[in-house]
Protein backbone atom coordinates (compact mmCIF):
# COMPACT_ATOMS: atom_id res chain seq x y z
CA MET A 1 3.28 7.70 -9.75
CA ILE A 2 1.51 6.06 -12.15
CA GLU A 3 2.76 3.36 -14.60
CA ILE A 4 0.78 3.99 -17.45
CA ALA A 5 1.84 1.51 -19.90
CA GLU A 6 1.19 -1.30 -17.31
CA GLU A 7 -2.18 0.10 -16.40
CA ILE A 8 -3.25 0.11 -19.79
CA ARG A 9 -2.78 -3.53 -20.44
CA ALA A 10 -3.97 -4.55 -17.08
CA ILE A 11 -7.39 -4.37 -18.83
CA GLY A 12 -8.78 -6.41 -21.24
CA ARG A 13 -11.34 -5.09 -23.75
CA ARG A 14 -13.83 -6.31 -26.61
CA VAL A 15 -16.56 -4.61 -28.72
CA GLY A 16 -19.15 -6.46 -29.91
CA ARG A 17 -22.35 -6.16 -32.26
CA VAL A 18 -25.40 -8.46 -30.74
CA ALA A 19 -28.78 -9.68 -31.34
CA ALA A 20 -31.01 -9.19 -28.54
CA GLU A 21 -35.24 -9.61 -28.39
CA SER A 22 -35.31 -5.93 -28.26
CA GLY A 23 -32.78 -5.22 -31.31
CA GLU A 24 -29.03 -5.36 -31.90
CA THR A 25 -26.73 -4.40 -29.17
CA VAL A 26 -23.81 -2.59 -28.86
CA SER A 27 -21.45 -4.16 -25.93
CA VAL A 28 -18.48 -2.89 -24.32
CA THR A 29 -16.71 -5.57 -22.13
CA LEU A 30 -13.84 -4.84 -19.71
CA GLU A 31 -11.95 -7.30 -17.53
CA ARG A 32 -9.43 -6.75 -15.13
CA THR A 33 -7.84 -8.34 -11.66
CA CYS A 34 -7.78 -6.19 -8.43
CA ASP A 35 -5.31 -7.34 -5.80
CA ALA A 36 -7.58 -7.74 -3.03
CA ALA A 37 -10.20 -10.58 -1.47
CA VAL A 38 -13.70 -11.13 -3.60
CA GLU A 39 -15.96 -9.63 -0.21
CA ASP A 40 -13.85 -6.16 -0.29
CA VAL A 41 -13.82 -5.78 -3.76
CA TRP A 42 -17.56 -6.53 -3.84
CA ASP A 43 -17.84 -4.06 -0.33
CA ALA A 44 -15.45 -0.91 -2.51
CA ILE A 45 -18.14 -1.41 -5.36
CA THR A 46 -21.43 -1.36 -3.68
CA ASP A 47 -20.76 0.74 0.28
CA PRO A 48 -21.36 4.26 -0.56
CA GLU A 49 -18.78 5.32 1.81
CA ARG A 50 -16.10 4.12 0.50
CA LEU A 51 -17.67 4.66 -3.01
CA ARG A 52 -16.78 8.36 -3.15
CA ARG A 53 -13.48 7.20 -1.87
CA TRP A 54 -12.83 6.07 -5.40
CA PHE A 55 -15.29 7.09 -7.44
CA LEU A 56 -18.16 9.18 -7.12
CA PRO A 57 -20.39 9.89 -4.26
CA VAL A 58 -23.76 7.72 -4.99
CA SER A 59 -27.02 8.32 -2.98
CA GLY A 60 -30.52 6.99 -3.78
CA ASP A 61 -32.07 3.53 -2.35
CA LEU A 62 -29.27 1.15 -2.35
CA ARG A 63 -30.81 -2.08 -2.42
CA GLU A 64 -32.24 -4.67 -5.56
CA GLY A 65 -35.37 -2.92 -7.23
CA GLY A 66 -34.01 0.22 -5.79
CA THR A 67 -32.52 3.57 -7.35
CA PHE A 68 -29.18 5.24 -7.49
CA GLN A 69 -27.65 8.38 -8.46
CA THR A 70 -23.66 9.30 -8.52
CA GLU A 71 -22.81 12.68 -8.05
CA GLY A 72 -22.71 14.88 -11.80
CA ASN A 73 -23.20 11.55 -13.33
CA ALA A 74 -25.69 9.32 -14.49
CA GLY A 75 -27.97 7.56 -12.12
CA GLY A 76 -30.35 4.26 -12.51
CA GLU A 77 -32.28 1.45 -11.39
CA ILE A 78 -30.39 -1.39 -9.26
CA LEU A 79 -31.85 -4.43 -11.44
CA VAL A 80 -29.53 -7.58 -9.37
CA CYS A 81 -27.33 -7.29 -6.26
CA ASP A 82 -26.43 -10.39 -5.60
CA ALA A 83 -23.01 -10.70 -3.33
CA PRO A 84 -20.89 -10.86 -3.71
CA LYS A 85 -20.71 -11.92 -7.49
CA LEU A 86 -22.90 -9.99 -9.67
CA LEU A 87 -24.33 -6.17 -9.97
CA ARG A 88 -26.70 -5.22 -12.52
CA VAL A 89 -27.97 -1.85 -13.05
CA THR A 90 -29.13 0.65 -15.84
CA TRP A 91 -27.04 3.39 -16.47
CA GLY A 92 -28.50 6.66 -17.48
CA GLY A 93 -31.53 5.02 -19.53
CA GLU A 94 -33.60 1.97 -19.29
CA THR A 95 -32.17 0.35 -22.41
CA SER A 96 -28.20 1.54 -20.93
CA VAL A 97 -27.33 -1.59 -19.13
CA VAL A 98 -24.02 -2.04 -16.67
CA GLU A 99 -23.49 -5.60 -15.58
CA LEU A 100 -20.42 -6.03 -12.85
CA ARG A 101 -19.50 -9.71 -12.00
CA LEU A 102 -16.85 -10.65 -10.08
CA SER A 103 -14.88 -14.20 -9.40
CA PRO A 104 -12.71 -14.84 -6.69
CA LEU A 105 -8.73 -15.68 -7.74
CA GLY A 106 -8.01 -17.23 -4.26
CA ASP A 107 -8.05 -15.81 -1.15
CA GLU A 108 -6.35 -12.60 -2.06
CA GLN A 109 -7.51 -11.78 -5.82
CA THR A 110 -10.72 -11.45 -7.65
CA ALA A 111 -11.39 -11.64 -11.44
CA LEU A 112 -13.82 -8.35 -12.13
CA GLU A 113 -15.85 -8.47 -15.59
CA LEU A 114 -17.51 -5.26 -16.24
CA GLN A 115 -20.10 -4.70 -19.52
CA HIS A 116 -22.20 -2.29 -21.16
CA THR A 117 -24.55 -2.86 -23.46
CA VAL A 118 -27.07 -0.51 -25.01
CA PRO A 119 -28.94 -0.53 -28.13
CA ILE A 120 -27.34 0.28 -31.77
CA GLU A 121 -29.72 3.15 -31.90
CA ILE A 122 -27.91 4.55 -29.14
CA ALA A 123 -24.51 3.85 -30.23
CA GLN A 124 -24.96 3.70 -34.14
CA SER A 125 -21.78 1.13 -33.93
CA GLY A 126 -19.22 -0.16 -32.35
CA ALA A 127 -17.61 2.60 -32.28
CA GLY A 128 -20.19 4.01 -29.52
CA ALA A 129 -17.76 2.35 -27.00
CA LEU A 130 -15.26 5.19 -27.61
CA TYR A 131 -17.71 7.66 -25.75
CA VAL A 132 -18.27 4.94 -22.90
CA GLY A 133 -14.73 2.91 -22.54
CA PRO A 134 -12.23 4.81 -21.46
CA GLY A 135 -14.47 6.45 -18.69
CA TRP A 136 -14.98 2.69 -17.34
CA ASP A 137 -11.34 2.09 -17.90
CA LEU A 138 -10.54 4.92 -15.90
CA THR A 139 -13.10 3.32 -13.54
CA LEU A 140 -11.03 0.33 -12.90
CA PHE A 141 -7.75 1.90 -12.51
CA ALA A 142 -9.65 3.75 -9.74
CA LEU A 143 -10.86 0.87 -8.01
CA GLY A 144 -7.11 -1.38 -8.77
CA ARG A 145 -5.34 1.43 -7.17
CA TYR A 146 -8.09 1.77 -4.17
CA ALA A 147 -7.99 -2.71 -3.79
CA VAL A 148 -4.38 -2.04 -2.75
CA GLY A 149 -4.79 1.48 -0.53
CA VAL A 150 -4.05 4.00 -2.68
CA VAL A 151 -6.28 6.26 -2.14
CA ALA A 152 -6.68 9.83 -3.57
CA ASP A 153 -7.50 12.80 -1.55
CA ASP A 154 -9.50 14.49 -4.37
CA PRO A 155 -10.69 11.07 -7.36
CA LEU A 156 -11.67 13.97 -9.69
CA ALA A 157 -8.77 16.17 -8.96
CA ALA A 158 -6.78 13.43 -9.56
CA GLY A 159 -8.14 12.11 -12.87
CA GLY A 160 -7.58 15.83 -14.42
CA SER A 161 -3.71 15.48 -13.36
CA PRO A 162 -1.12 15.63 -16.30
CA GLU A 163 -0.61 12.18 -15.24
CA GLY A 164 -4.46 11.36 -15.24
CA ILE A 165 -5.05 12.95 -18.30
CA GLU A 166 -2.46 11.12 -20.28
CA LEU A 167 -3.36 7.95 -18.87
CA ALA A 168 -7.01 8.49 -20.65
CA ARG A 169 -4.79 9.59 -23.71
CA GLN A 170 -3.72 6.18 -24.02
CA SER A 171 -7.02 4.68 -23.16
CA VAL A 172 -8.60 6.35 -26.00
CA LEU A 173 -6.10 4.72 -28.34
CA ALA A 174 -6.66 1.32 -26.60
CA TRP A 175 -10.34 1.38 -27.01
CA LYS A 176 -9.52 2.73 -30.99
CA ALA A 177 -7.40 -0.30 -31.60
CA THR A 178 -10.02 -2.28 -29.68
CA VAL A 179 -12.94 -1.11 -32.01
CA GLU A 180 -10.72 -1.52 -35.29
CA GLU A 181 -9.62 -5.30 -34.19
CA SER A 182 -13.61 -6.03 -33.41
CA GLY A 183 -14.66 -4.52 -37.16
CA THR A 184 -17.75 -3.27 -35.99
CA ALA A 185 -17.38 0.21 -37.17
CA THR A 186 -16.21 2.00 -40.45
CA ALA A 187 -13.17 4.35 -40.22
CA ASP A 188 -14.80 7.31 -40.67
CA GLU A 189 -16.76 6.35 -37.63
CA VAL A 190 -14.10 5.15 -35.61
CA ASN A 191 -12.16 9.04 -36.31
CA ALA A 192 -15.46 11.11 -35.13
CA GLY A 193 -15.72 8.43 -31.80
CA VAL A 194 -11.84 9.21 -31.11
CA GLU A 195 -12.03 13.54 -31.86
CA VAL A 196 -15.33 13.02 -29.34
CA ALA A 197 -13.24 11.03 -26.41
CA MET A 198 -10.27 12.82 -26.17
CA ALA A 199 -12.47 16.49 -26.00
CA GLN A 200 -13.82 14.43 -23.33
CA PHE A 201 -11.37 12.31 -21.61
CA ALA A 202 -8.09 13.44 -22.55
CA PRO A 203 -8.69 17.63 -23.79
CA GLY A 204 -6.06 19.33 -24.86
CA THR A 205 -4.25 16.34 -26.04
CA ALA A 206 -4.37 15.04 -29.77
C-alpha cells in the first residue's frame, strides 16, 4: 500500500525563471532522499537492465557523448556521465536539459537532486512545471521504492492503478502550489497547466 501523503512530502519542489546566456529558462527542481548507498543509486539510474525494472527500457550508445532512447518516451544526448555524482542529458530536444546530482548521506542514504530546464519559449511561464514536474515526481517515487527492494512486475501498469492515479493527482496539486508560491506564472496560466497535467497524469480525476 502506498502512503500517498508521505510520498508527496518526501519530495522537495522548486520552480524558477533564470536568466542564461542563451536566454531566459524555466527550471524545475526536485529533491529526495533514497535509502541506498550512492553507488547503488547511481547504478540504478544508469544500468539499462535495472532501469527497465523501475523506469523504462532504455537503448542506445550509453556513454558520455552517446545518445539514448527510452521506450515510448523521450530520448537525447548524454552530455555528462560522472559516476557516481552527476548525470546530465538532453531530454526530447537539445534545449531541454535534465541533470541528476547524487550526494552520499552516510553509507546507506543518498541525496538526489533532479533539475529540468527548458527555454521560456517552450515553457511559456513557470506553469510549464506542471507539464513535467508530476512525471518526475512519479519517477522519483518509483526509484525510492526500487532502492528499498520494492519492484513492480510492470512499472507502467502500477502507475495506472487507483493508488498510482491518486498519487499523480496529489502530485499535480503539489506542483500547483509550488508554482503559485514561486510567483512565476499568472493564475490563468496555472489553471491551464493544472487542467493539462490532470488529463496527462491523472486522467478521470479533478
